[in-house]
C-alpha atoms as a PDB file:
ATOM      1  CA  UNK A   1       0.000   0.000   0.000  1.00  0.00           C
ATOM      2  CA  UNK A   2       1.227   3.434  -0.854  1.00  0.00           C
ATOM      3  CA  UNK A   3      -0.192   6.792   0.017  1.00  0.00           C
ATOM      4  CA  UNK A   4      -0.461   8.884  -3.116  1.00  0.00           C
ATOM      5  CA  UNK A   5      -0.917  12.615  -2.942  1.00  0.00           C
ATOM      6  CA  UNK A   6      -1.559  14.423  -6.207  1.00  0.00           C
ATOM      7  CA  UNK A   7      -0.334  17.999  -6.628  1.00  0.00           C
ATOM      8  CA  UNK A   8      -0.104  20.420  -9.541  1.00  0.00           C
ATOM      9  CA  UNK A   9       3.537  19.422 -10.002  1.00  0.00           C
ATOM     10  CA  UNK A  10       3.068  15.639  -9.873  1.00  0.00           C
ATOM     11  CA  UNK A  11       2.396  12.727  -7.532  1.00  0.00           C
ATOM     12  CA  UNK A  12       3.967  12.054  -4.138  1.00  0.00           C
ATOM     13  CA  UNK A  13       4.063   8.364  -3.106  1.00  0.00           C
ATOM     14  CA  UNK A  14       4.626   7.395   0.540  1.00  0.00           C
ATOM     15  CA  UNK A  15       5.387   3.742   1.304  1.00  0.00           C
ATOM     16  CA  UNK A  16       3.469   1.793   3.956  1.00  0.00           C
ATOM     17  CA  UNK A  17       6.698   1.261   5.931  1.00  0.00           C
ATOM     18  CA  UNK A  18       7.204   5.031   6.251  1.00  0.00           C
ATOM     19  CA  UNK A  19       3.681   5.601   7.570  1.00  0.00           C
ATOM     20  CA  UNK A  20       4.080   2.707  10.040  1.00  0.00           C
ATOM     21  CA  UNK A  21       7.412   4.089  11.269  1.00  0.00           C
ATOM     22  CA  UNK A  22       5.918   7.558  11.796  1.00  0.00           C
ATOM     23  CA  UNK A  23       3.056   6.015  13.793  1.00  0.00           C
ATOM     24  CA  UNK A  24       5.469   3.868  15.833  1.00  0.00           C
ATOM     25  CA  UNK A  25       7.774   6.770  16.673  1.00  0.00           C
ATOM     26  CA  UNK A  26       4.783   8.895  17.644  1.00  0.00           C
ATOM     27  CA  UNK A  27       3.533   6.120  19.935  1.00  0.00           C
ATOM     28  CA  UNK A  28       6.929   5.823  21.636  1.00  0.00           C
ATOM     29  CA  UNK A  29       6.756   9.493  22.656  1.00  0.00           C
ATOM     30  CA  UNK A  30       3.715   8.854  24.862  1.00  0.00           C
ATOM     31  CA  UNK A  31       4.113   8.470  28.622  1.00  0.00           C
ATOM     32  CA  UNK A  32       3.700   4.903  29.841  1.00  0.00           C
ATOM     33  CA  UNK A  33       4.550   3.205  26.553  1.00  0.00           C
ATOM     34  CA  UNK A  34       7.604   0.971  26.954  1.00  0.00           C
ATOM     35  CA  UNK A  35       7.717  -0.080  23.318  1.00  0.00           C
ATOM     36  CA  UNK A  36       6.049  -1.696  20.371  1.00  0.00           C
ATOM     37  CA  UNK A  37       5.291  -5.407  20.473  1.00  0.00           C
ATOM     38  CA  UNK A  38       5.290  -8.267  18.001  1.00  0.00           C
ATOM     39  CA  UNK A  39       3.958 -11.765  18.553  1.00  0.00           C
ATOM     40  CA  UNK A  40       6.311 -14.553  17.517  1.00  0.00           C
ATOM     41  CA  UNK A  41       4.775 -17.005  15.070  1.00  0.00           C
ATOM     42  CA  UNK A  42       7.108 -19.723  16.319  1.00  0.00           C
ATOM     43  CA  UNK A  43       6.279 -19.736  20.033  1.00  0.00           C
ATOM     44  CA  UNK A  44       3.332 -17.313  20.328  1.00  0.00           C
ATOM     45  CA  UNK A  45       5.172 -15.105  22.819  1.00  0.00           C
ATOM     46  CA  UNK A  46       5.125 -11.316  22.667  1.00  0.00           C
ATOM     47  CA  UNK A  47       8.487  -9.605  22.150  1.00  0.00           C
ATOM     48  CA  UNK A  48       9.502  -6.009  22.754  1.00  0.00           C
ATOM     49  CA  UNK A  49      10.751  -4.527  19.479  1.00  0.00           C
ATOM     50  CA  UNK A  50      13.911  -2.491  19.123  1.00  0.00           C
ATOM     51  CA  UNK A  51      13.735   1.059  17.762  1.00  0.00           C
ATOM     52  CA  UNK A  52      14.784  -0.155  14.290  1.00  0.00           C
ATOM     53  CA  UNK A  53      11.790  -2.534  14.110  1.00  0.00           C
ATOM     54  CA  UNK A  54       8.997  -0.288  15.383  1.00  0.00           C
ATOM     55  CA  UNK A  55       6.944  -0.664  12.238  1.00  0.00           C
ATOM     56  CA  UNK A  56       6.427  -4.388  12.939  1.00  0.00           C
ATOM     57  CA  UNK A  57       4.184  -3.399  15.852  1.00  0.00           C
ATOM     58  CA  UNK A  58       1.985  -1.281  13.584  1.00  0.00           C
ATOM     59  CA  UNK A  59      -0.692  -2.670  11.276  1.00  0.00           C
ATOM     60  CA  UNK A  60      -2.102  -0.319   8.632  1.00  0.00           C
ATOM     61  CA  UNK A  61      -5.273  -0.660   6.620  1.00  0.00           C
ATOM     62  CA  UNK A  62      -6.100   1.732   3.832  1.00  0.00           C
ATOM     63  CA  UNK A  63      -9.820   2.201   3.238  1.00  0.00           C
ATOM     64  CA  UNK A  64     -11.378   2.759  -0.177  1.00  0.00           C
ATOM     65  CA  UNK A  65     -11.987   6.437   0.570  1.00  0.00           C
ATOM     66  CA  UNK A  66      -8.274   7.041   1.272  1.00  0.00           C
ATOM     67  CA  UNK A  67      -8.550   6.998   5.072  1.00  0.00           C
ATOM     68  CA  UNK A  68      -6.277   4.941   7.310  1.00  0.00           C
ATOM     69  CA  UNK A  69      -6.999   2.529  10.144  1.00  0.00           C
ATOM     70  CA  UNK A  70      -3.975   2.042  12.410  1.00  0.00           C
ATOM     71  CA  UNK A  71      -3.532  -0.808  14.914  1.00  0.00           C
ATOM     72  CA  UNK A  72      -0.774  -0.316  17.498  1.00  0.00           C
ATOM     73  CA  UNK A  73       0.542  -3.324  19.425  1.00  0.00           C
ATOM     74  CA  UNK A  74       2.241  -1.939  22.534  1.00  0.00           C
ATOM     75  CA  UNK A  75       3.812  -2.857  25.853  1.00  0.00           C
ATOM     76  CA  UNK A  76       3.103  -0.506  28.754  1.00  0.00           C
ATOM     77  CA  UNK A  77       4.757   0.301  32.081  1.00  0.00           C
ATOM     78  CA  UNK A  78       3.272  -1.365  35.173  1.00  0.00           C
ATOM     79  CA  UNK A  79       1.257   0.982  37.374  1.00  0.00           C
ATOM     80  CA  UNK A  80       0.116   3.334  34.639  1.00  0.00           C
ATOM     81  CA  UNK A  81      -3.503   4.081  33.761  1.00  0.00           C
ATOM     82  CA  UNK A  82      -4.217   2.016  30.642  1.00  0.00           C
ATOM     83  CA  UNK A  83      -7.224   4.067  29.535  1.00  0.00           C
ATOM     84  CA  UNK A  84      -5.238   7.313  29.814  1.00  0.00           C
ATOM     85  CA  UNK A  85      -2.334   5.822  27.842  1.00  0.00           C
ATOM     86  CA  UNK A  86      -4.669   4.591  25.096  1.00  0.00           C
ATOM     87  CA  UNK A  87      -6.464   7.937  24.885  1.00  0.00           C
ATOM     88  CA  UNK A  88      -3.190   9.865  24.640  1.00  0.00           C
ATOM     89  CA  UNK A  89      -1.825   7.428  22.059  1.00  0.00           C
ATOM     90  CA  UNK A  90      -4.882   7.705  19.845  1.00  0.00           C
ATOM     91  CA  UNK A  91      -4.763  11.487  19.758  1.00  0.00           C
ATOM     92  CA  UNK A  92      -0.994  11.745  19.339  1.00  0.00           C
ATOM     93  CA  UNK A  93      -0.708   9.142  16.571  1.00  0.00           C
ATOM     94  CA  UNK A  94      -3.723  10.481  14.671  1.00  0.00           C
ATOM     95  CA  UNK A  95      -2.381  14.048  14.777  1.00  0.00           C
ATOM     96  CA  UNK A  96       1.183  13.087  13.825  1.00  0.00           C
ATOM     97  CA  UNK A  97       0.223  10.831  10.902  1.00  0.00           C
ATOM     98  CA  UNK A  98      -2.291  13.327   9.514  1.00  0.00           C
ATOM     99  CA  UNK A  99       0.242  16.172   9.758  1.00  0.00           C
ATOM    100  CA  UNK A 100       3.209  14.280   8.266  1.00  0.00           C
ATOM    101  CA  UNK A 101       1.479  12.110   5.678  1.00  0.00           C
ATOM    102  CA  UNK A 102      -1.540  14.178   4.725  1.00  0.00           C
ATOM    103  CA  UNK A 103      -3.999  11.269   4.952  1.00  0.00           C
ATOM    104  CA  UNK A 104      -7.040  11.260   7.210  1.00  0.00           C
ATOM    105  CA  UNK A 105      -6.900   8.680  10.023  1.00  0.00           C
ATOM    106  CA  UNK A 106     -10.299   7.155  10.768  1.00  0.00           C
ATOM    107  CA  UNK A 107      -9.281   4.904  13.697  1.00  0.00           C
ATOM    108  CA  UNK A 108      -6.307   4.252  15.927  1.00  0.00           C
ATOM    109  CA  UNK A 109      -6.817   0.919  17.688  1.00  0.00           C
ATOM    110  CA  UNK A 110      -4.637   0.126  20.697  1.00  0.00           C
ATOM    111  CA  UNK A 111      -3.784  -3.494  21.492  1.00  0.00           C
ATOM    112  CA  UNK A 112      -1.921  -3.797  24.801  1.00  0.00           C
ATOM    113  CA  UNK A 113       0.186  -6.947  24.426  1.00  0.00           C
ATOM    114  CA  UNK A 114       2.003  -6.801  27.732  1.00  0.00           C
ATOM    115  CA  UNK A 115       3.058  -4.957  30.868  1.00  0.00           C
ATOM    116  CA  UNK A 116       6.679  -4.373  31.881  1.00  0.00           C
ATOM    117  CA  UNK A 117       7.151  -4.805  35.617  1.00  0.00           C
ATOM    118  CA  UNK A 118      10.842  -3.923  35.968  1.00  0.00           C
END
């Protein structure tokens, strides 16, 4: 999937990986988020992703009308308010993606995969 923006001077194409990375970096800026998560197909365990692999914790869906649906798989810090984290994440990611990419974000779904207790 590519985001295509048409201008008077031509077309701008933005790869799915770029949009996912922007969403992942935006999510990491939010208080209480330890990192992005990915579930291993081999053993079914959830793993904390390194900064280079943030986009693996982001699932994008492009709707027919050009809007995006973003799913964020995250790990949070123990003792934080999960509803507050999710609310902050949704607003921050929506704003950042819309500002940087120029596409409207319909939904930002938060999937909390784990809690870090250290």
